[in-house]
């Protein structure tokens, strides 16, 4: 996804929010915004917006001296989602279509996105209200059937998470996938309220699936910045399940494997690019189709 003119307002708001969380002085806030505007002026529009987000938060970290302004929000996100898990599990236990509902719950976790929304607190009532609203909407695009078929056909799957707190809801979907072919992916360092290895551990994901980080702290996947270990895992995958807007922004133009984008459409820019109205719960299967490898002669004869 390219960077649109409308993204600039979001960049400035994101920089201002980070300054608030980092508790910088009014003078330093002005310095941050001036530097961000200068970087925006030279940022190539054919690049995904997450590239500009990297630049914004490098400026904030440099001027504030604070490595992780969102640390408190991430802890609150984990605490709130942990406390809500019994309700989510009960819903799936009574669901007539637990796989579809697990996808919706995972998408509902996208509300915990402090890059897209301006907020300074995570409240349980807001999370539950958003989950209720999300569960009431259908899945747009390829839906649960499309994701199920992609997972069934794939031999190596990366599930790229998005935000802290959201990992708890991702765990519910990971459990529904019922396959050992999935590796869960988080960011390589703190940026915004994106999930890191510590957040995956808080949700207990290493207990059920391997966890890998990108080796980079971009709020998306910019492969040229990622570690060799992650790039090798990426090249060896045939399906990438990408949660949230940052992962969509950075991966939606690729056609080298199958991509399953799971996201809530949060703004008019994303709605226009992905082709679904704001507020939609989207499952979009894109990229190259998965083709099952034929059985080797040895394995074929073993079935005779």
Protein backbone atom coordinates (compact mmCIF):
# COMPACT_ATOMS: atom_id res chain seq x y z
CA UNK A 1 0.00 0.00 0.00
CA UNK A 2 1.34 3.42 -0.92
CA UNK A 3 1.22 6.52 1.29
CA UNK A 4 -1.69 8.84 0.51
CA UNK A 5 -1.90 12.58 1.16
CA UNK A 6 -4.51 11.94 3.88
CA UNK A 7 -1.93 9.87 5.80
CA UNK A 8 -0.05 13.05 6.69
CA UNK A 9 -2.67 14.14 9.21
CA UNK A 10 -2.39 10.77 10.88
CA UNK A 11 1.42 11.03 10.97
CA UNK A 12 1.26 14.37 12.78
CA UNK A 13 -1.35 13.11 15.22
CA UNK A 14 0.70 10.00 15.90
CA UNK A 15 3.79 12.13 16.61
CA UNK A 16 1.79 14.37 18.95
CA UNK A 17 0.34 11.35 20.80
CA UNK A 18 3.81 9.86 21.26
CA UNK A 19 5.04 13.18 22.65
CA UNK A 20 2.17 13.18 25.15
CA UNK A 21 2.97 9.66 26.30
CA UNK A 22 6.69 10.45 26.51
CA UNK A 23 5.85 13.57 28.55
CA UNK A 24 8.17 15.79 26.57
CA UNK A 25 8.27 19.54 27.15
CA UNK A 26 6.37 21.98 24.96
CA UNK A 27 9.66 23.02 23.36
CA UNK A 28 10.66 19.43 22.59
CA UNK A 29 7.19 18.70 21.26
CA UNK A 30 7.61 21.56 18.78
CA UNK A 31 11.03 20.16 17.79
CA UNK A 32 9.54 16.70 17.21
CA UNK A 33 6.70 18.01 15.05
CA UNK A 34 9.05 20.21 13.02
CA UNK A 35 11.38 17.29 12.32
CA UNK A 36 8.46 14.99 11.47
CA UNK A 37 7.07 17.54 8.97
CA UNK A 38 10.52 17.80 7.39
CA UNK A 39 10.73 14.02 7.04
CA UNK A 40 7.19 13.84 5.65
CA UNK A 41 8.13 16.32 2.93
CA UNK A 42 10.80 13.96 1.60
CA UNK A 43 9.05 10.65 2.27
CA UNK A 44 8.42 8.77 -1.02
CA UNK A 45 4.66 8.35 -1.59
CA UNK A 46 5.18 4.96 -3.23
CA UNK A 47 6.41 3.58 0.12
CA UNK A 48 4.05 2.13 2.77
CA UNK A 49 3.01 4.41 5.64
CA UNK A 50 4.75 2.19 8.22
CA UNK A 51 8.07 3.46 6.86
CA UNK A 52 7.13 6.96 7.93
CA UNK A 53 5.99 5.62 11.30
CA UNK A 54 9.52 4.27 11.85
CA UNK A 55 10.95 7.73 11.21
CA UNK A 56 8.42 9.41 13.52
CA UNK A 57 9.22 7.20 16.48
CA UNK A 58 12.96 7.42 15.92
CA UNK A 59 12.59 11.19 16.32
CA UNK A 60 10.45 10.84 19.46
CA UNK A 61 12.89 8.37 21.05
CA UNK A 62 15.87 10.54 20.20
CA UNK A 63 14.44 13.76 21.65
CA UNK A 64 12.61 12.27 24.65
CA UNK A 65 15.33 9.77 25.57
CA UNK A 66 12.52 7.26 26.24
CA UNK A 67 12.78 3.94 24.40
CA UNK A 68 9.17 2.82 24.86
CA UNK A 69 6.60 5.59 25.49
CA UNK A 70 3.78 3.04 25.08
CA UNK A 71 4.99 0.62 27.77
CA UNK A 72 2.19 1.47 30.22
CA UNK A 73 -0.51 1.22 27.56
CA UNK A 74 0.83 -2.19 26.52
CA UNK A 75 0.68 -3.43 30.12
CA UNK A 76 -2.90 -2.16 30.43
CA UNK A 77 -3.84 -3.83 27.13
CA UNK A 78 -2.49 -7.16 28.32
CA UNK A 79 -4.20 -6.84 31.72
CA UNK A 80 -7.59 -5.93 30.21
CA UNK A 81 -7.53 -8.71 27.61
CA UNK A 82 -6.37 -11.25 30.17
CA UNK A 83 -9.32 -10.35 32.41
CA UNK A 84 -11.73 -10.66 29.46
CA UNK A 85 -10.50 -14.07 28.32
CA UNK A 86 -13.08 -16.09 30.31
CA UNK A 87 -15.85 -14.22 28.48
CA UNK A 88 -14.22 -14.77 25.09
CA UNK A 89 -13.64 -18.47 25.77
CA UNK A 90 -17.23 -18.90 26.94
CA UNK A 91 -18.49 -17.27 23.75
CA UNK A 92 -16.48 -19.69 21.59
CA UNK A 93 -17.62 -22.65 23.70
CA UNK A 94 -21.26 -21.84 22.90
CA UNK A 95 -20.68 -20.68 19.31
CA UNK A 96 -22.32 -22.48 16.41
CA UNK A 97 -19.34 -21.46 14.25
CA UNK A 98 -16.30 -21.15 16.55
CA UNK A 99 -13.79 -20.76 13.71
CA UNK A 100 -15.62 -17.78 12.21
CA UNK A 101 -16.14 -16.25 15.65
CA UNK A 102 -12.47 -16.74 16.55
CA UNK A 103 -11.54 -14.79 13.41
CA UNK A 104 -13.92 -12.00 14.45
CA UNK A 105 -12.44 -11.94 17.96
CA UNK A 106 -8.93 -11.71 16.52
CA UNK A 107 -10.01 -8.84 14.27
CA UNK A 108 -11.80 -7.16 17.19
CA UNK A 109 -8.44 -7.01 18.98
CA UNK A 110 -7.47 -4.43 16.37
CA UNK A 111 -9.22 -1.79 18.51
CA UNK A 112 -6.07 -1.85 20.66
CA UNK A 113 -4.24 0.22 18.06
CA UNK A 114 -2.77 3.46 19.31
CA UNK A 115 -1.27 4.23 15.93
CA UNK A 116 -4.70 4.47 14.30
CA UNK A 117 -6.58 5.90 17.30
CA UNK A 118 -5.76 8.71 19.69
CA UNK A 119 -6.15 7.48 23.28
CA UNK A 120 -4.10 7.24 26.44
CA UNK A 121 -5.96 4.53 28.39
CA UNK A 122 -7.21 1.01 27.80
CA UNK A 123 -10.59 0.42 29.46
CA UNK A 124 -12.33 -2.93 29.74
CA UNK A 125 -15.72 -1.47 28.87
CA UNK A 126 -14.32 -0.05 25.60
CA UNK A 127 -12.77 -3.38 24.64
CA UNK A 128 -15.97 -5.30 25.37
CA UNK A 129 -18.08 -2.75 23.51
CA UNK A 130 -15.84 -3.06 20.47
CA UNK A 131 -15.87 -6.85 20.63
CA UNK A 132 -19.68 -6.85 20.76
CA UNK A 133 -19.86 -4.51 17.75
CA UNK A 134 -17.36 -6.62 15.82
CA UNK A 135 -19.12 -9.89 16.55
CA UNK A 136 -22.37 -8.40 15.23
CA UNK A 137 -20.84 -7.71 11.82
CA UNK A 138 -20.26 -10.39 9.15
CA UNK A 139 -16.84 -11.23 7.79
CA UNK A 140 -16.27 -9.40 4.52
CA UNK A 141 -14.15 -10.62 1.63
CA UNK A 142 -13.09 -14.27 1.55
CA UNK A 143 -14.46 -15.00 5.02
CA UNK A 144 -13.80 -17.99 7.23
CA UNK A 145 -14.03 -20.41 4.32
CA UNK A 146 -11.22 -18.65 2.45
CA UNK A 147 -8.92 -18.69 5.47
CA UNK A 148 -9.74 -22.31 6.27
CA UNK A 149 -8.87 -23.43 2.73
CA UNK A 150 -5.63 -21.44 2.70
CA UNK A 151 -4.54 -22.95 6.02
CA UNK A 152 -5.52 -26.46 4.93
CA UNK A 153 -3.43 -26.20 1.77
CA UNK A 154 -0.37 -24.49 3.25
CA UNK A 155 2.69 -26.35 4.52
CA UNK A 156 4.45 -23.51 6.40
CA UNK A 157 2.49 -20.61 7.89
CA UNK A 158 3.57 -17.36 9.52
CA UNK A 159 0.91 -15.61 11.61
CA UNK A 160 2.09 -12.02 12.02
CA UNK A 161 0.49 -10.36 15.03
CA UNK A 162 -0.13 -6.68 15.56
CA UNK A 163 -0.68 -5.16 18.99
CA UNK A 164 -0.10 -5.97 22.65
CA UNK A 165 -3.29 -7.28 24.27
CA UNK A 166 -4.40 -8.46 20.86
CA UNK A 167 -2.11 -11.47 21.35
CA UNK A 168 -4.70 -12.93 23.73
CA UNK A 169 -7.32 -12.91 21.00
CA UNK A 170 -4.82 -14.21 18.46
CA UNK A 171 -4.25 -17.17 20.76
CA UNK A 172 -7.93 -18.14 20.44
CA UNK A 173 -7.64 -18.20 16.66
CA UNK A 174 -4.31 -20.04 16.77
CA UNK A 175 -5.98 -22.75 18.86
CA UNK A 176 -8.80 -23.03 16.30
CA UNK A 177 -6.35 -23.48 13.42
CA UNK A 178 -5.45 -26.91 14.84
CA UNK A 179 -2.15 -27.22 13.02
CA UNK A 180 1.49 -27.35 14.05
CA UNK A 181 2.54 -25.59 10.84
CA UNK A 182 2.09 -22.09 12.31
CA UNK A 183 4.76 -19.78 13.74
CA UNK A 184 3.57 -16.64 15.52
CA UNK A 185 5.47 -13.44 14.67
CA UNK A 186 5.89 -10.23 16.69
CA UNK A 187 7.99 -7.06 16.34
CA UNK A 188 11.69 -7.10 17.10
CA UNK A 189 11.49 -4.14 19.50
CA UNK A 190 9.04 -1.63 20.96
CA UNK A 191 7.24 0.78 18.65
CA UNK A 192 3.76 2.18 19.26
CA UNK A 193 1.84 -0.46 21.21
CA UNK A 194 2.83 -3.25 18.83
CA UNK A 195 3.39 -6.70 20.29
CA UNK A 196 6.87 -7.95 21.14
CA UNK A 197 8.03 -11.32 22.46
CA UNK A 198 7.17 -10.22 26.01
CA UNK A 199 3.55 -9.61 24.99
CA UNK A 200 3.31 -12.99 23.25
CA UNK A 201 4.60 -14.59 26.45
CA UNK A 202 2.03 -12.70 28.52
CA UNK A 203 -0.69 -14.31 26.37
CA UNK A 204 0.87 -17.76 26.70
CA UNK A 205 1.42 -18.15 22.98
CA UNK A 206 4.84 -19.90 23.31
CA UNK A 207 2.96 -22.67 25.13
CA UNK A 208 1.06 -23.56 21.96
CA UNK A 209 3.10 -22.24 18.98
CA UNK A 210 6.69 -21.21 18.21
CA UNK A 211 7.25 -17.45 18.44
CA UNK A 212 9.60 -15.49 16.19
CA UNK A 213 10.33 -11.76 16.04
CA UNK A 214 11.06 -9.78 12.88
CA UNK A 215 14.36 -8.43 14.18
CA UNK A 216 13.05 -4.94 13.42
CA UNK A 217 10.84 -2.47 15.25
CA UNK A 218 8.78 -1.23 12.29
CA UNK A 219 4.99 -1.48 12.94
CA UNK A 220 4.70 -3.75 9.92
CA UNK A 221 7.01 -5.97 7.88
CA UNK A 222 9.70 -4.11 5.94
CA UNK A 223 11.69 -7.15 4.79
CA UNK A 224 14.84 -5.23 3.92
CA UNK A 225 15.09 -4.20 7.60
CA UNK A 226 14.29 -7.59 9.11
CA UNK A 227 16.74 -10.11 10.55
CA UNK A 228 18.20 -12.90 8.44
CA UNK A 229 16.44 -15.44 10.66
CA UNK A 230 13.05 -13.88 9.99
CA UNK A 231 13.70 -13.46 6.27
CA UNK A 232 14.58 -17.15 6.01
CA UNK A 233 11.36 -18.12 7.80
CA UNK A 234 9.45 -15.77 5.52
CA UNK A 235 11.00 -17.23 2.36
CA UNK A 236 10.21 -20.76 3.56
CA UNK A 237 6.54 -19.94 4.22
CA UNK A 238 3.79 -20.40 1.68
CA UNK A 239 1.06 -18.64 3.68
CA UNK A 240 1.36 -15.44 5.69
CA UNK A 241 -1.59 -14.53 7.91
CA UNK A 242 -1.14 -10.79 8.49
CA UNK A 243 -3.15 -9.13 11.25
CA UNK A 244 -3.96 -5.45 11.31
CA UNK A 245 -3.41 -2.32 9.29
CA UNK A 246 0.38 -2.00 9.59
CA UNK A 247 0.93 -5.50 8.25
CA UNK A 248 -1.55 -4.85 5.43
CA UNK A 249 0.19 -1.58 4.54
CA UNK A 250 3.59 -3.23 4.26
CA UNK A 251 2.65 -6.55 2.61
CA UNK A 252 -0.43 -5.92 0.45
CA UNK A 253 1.50 -5.24 -2.74
CA UNK A 254 3.39 -8.54 -2.68
CA UNK A 255 2.53 -11.56 -4.86
CA UNK A 256 5.31 -14.00 -3.91
CA UNK A 257 3.15 -16.28 -1.71
CA UNK A 258 -0.39 -16.43 -0.35
CA UNK A 259 -1.38 -13.70 2.09
CA UNK A 260 -4.42 -13.75 4.36
CA UNK A 261 -5.07 -10.22 5.59
CA UNK A 262 -7.25 -10.01 8.70
CA UNK A 263 -8.14 -6.47 9.67
CA UNK A 264 -10.79 -4.04 10.74
CA UNK A 265 -11.09 -1.17 8.26
CA UNK A 266 -10.37 1.85 10.46
CA UNK A 267 -10.16 4.79 8.07
CA UNK A 268 -11.26 6.05 4.68
CA UNK A 269 -7.77 5.61 3.22
CA UNK A 270 -7.65 1.91 4.10
CA UNK A 271 -11.27 1.48 2.95
CA UNK A 272 -10.39 2.87 -0.46
CA UNK A 273 -7.26 0.73 -0.79
CA UNK A 274 -8.66 -2.59 0.45
CA UNK A 275 -12.07 -2.11 -1.18
CA UNK A 276 -14.38 -2.47 1.83
CA UNK A 277 -16.26 0.20 3.85
CA UNK A 278 -14.99 1.60 7.13
CA UNK A 279 -15.85 -0.66 10.06
CA UNK A 280 -15.73 -3.86 7.98
CA UNK A 281 -14.18 -7.05 9.35
CA UNK A 282 -12.08 -8.17 6.41
CA UNK A 283 -10.54 -11.51 5.53
CA UNK A 284 -8.78 -10.99 2.23
CA UNK A 285 -6.82 -13.78 0.54
CA UNK A 286 -4.30 -12.33 -1.91
CA UNK A 287 -1.00 -13.04 -3.64
CA UNK A 288 0.02 -16.29 -5.23
CA UNK A 289 -2.17 -19.37 -4.90
CA UNK A 290 -0.82 -22.28 -2.86
CA UNK A 291 -0.14 -25.43 -4.84
CA UNK A 292 0.29 -28.64 -2.90
CA UNK A 293 3.58 -30.37 -3.55
CA UNK A 294 3.04 -33.80 -5.13
CA UNK A 295 3.93 -36.86 -3.10
CA UNK A 296 7.43 -38.18 -3.70
CA UNK A 297 7.62 -41.68 -5.30
CA UNK A 298 8.63 -43.10 -1.92
CA UNK A 299 5.70 -41.56 -0.05
CA UNK A 300 3.29 -42.45 -2.85
CA UNK A 301 4.32 -46.10 -2.74
CA UNK A 302 3.90 -46.09 1.02
CA UNK A 303 0.18 -45.41 0.52
CA UNK A 304 -0.35 -48.36 -1.79
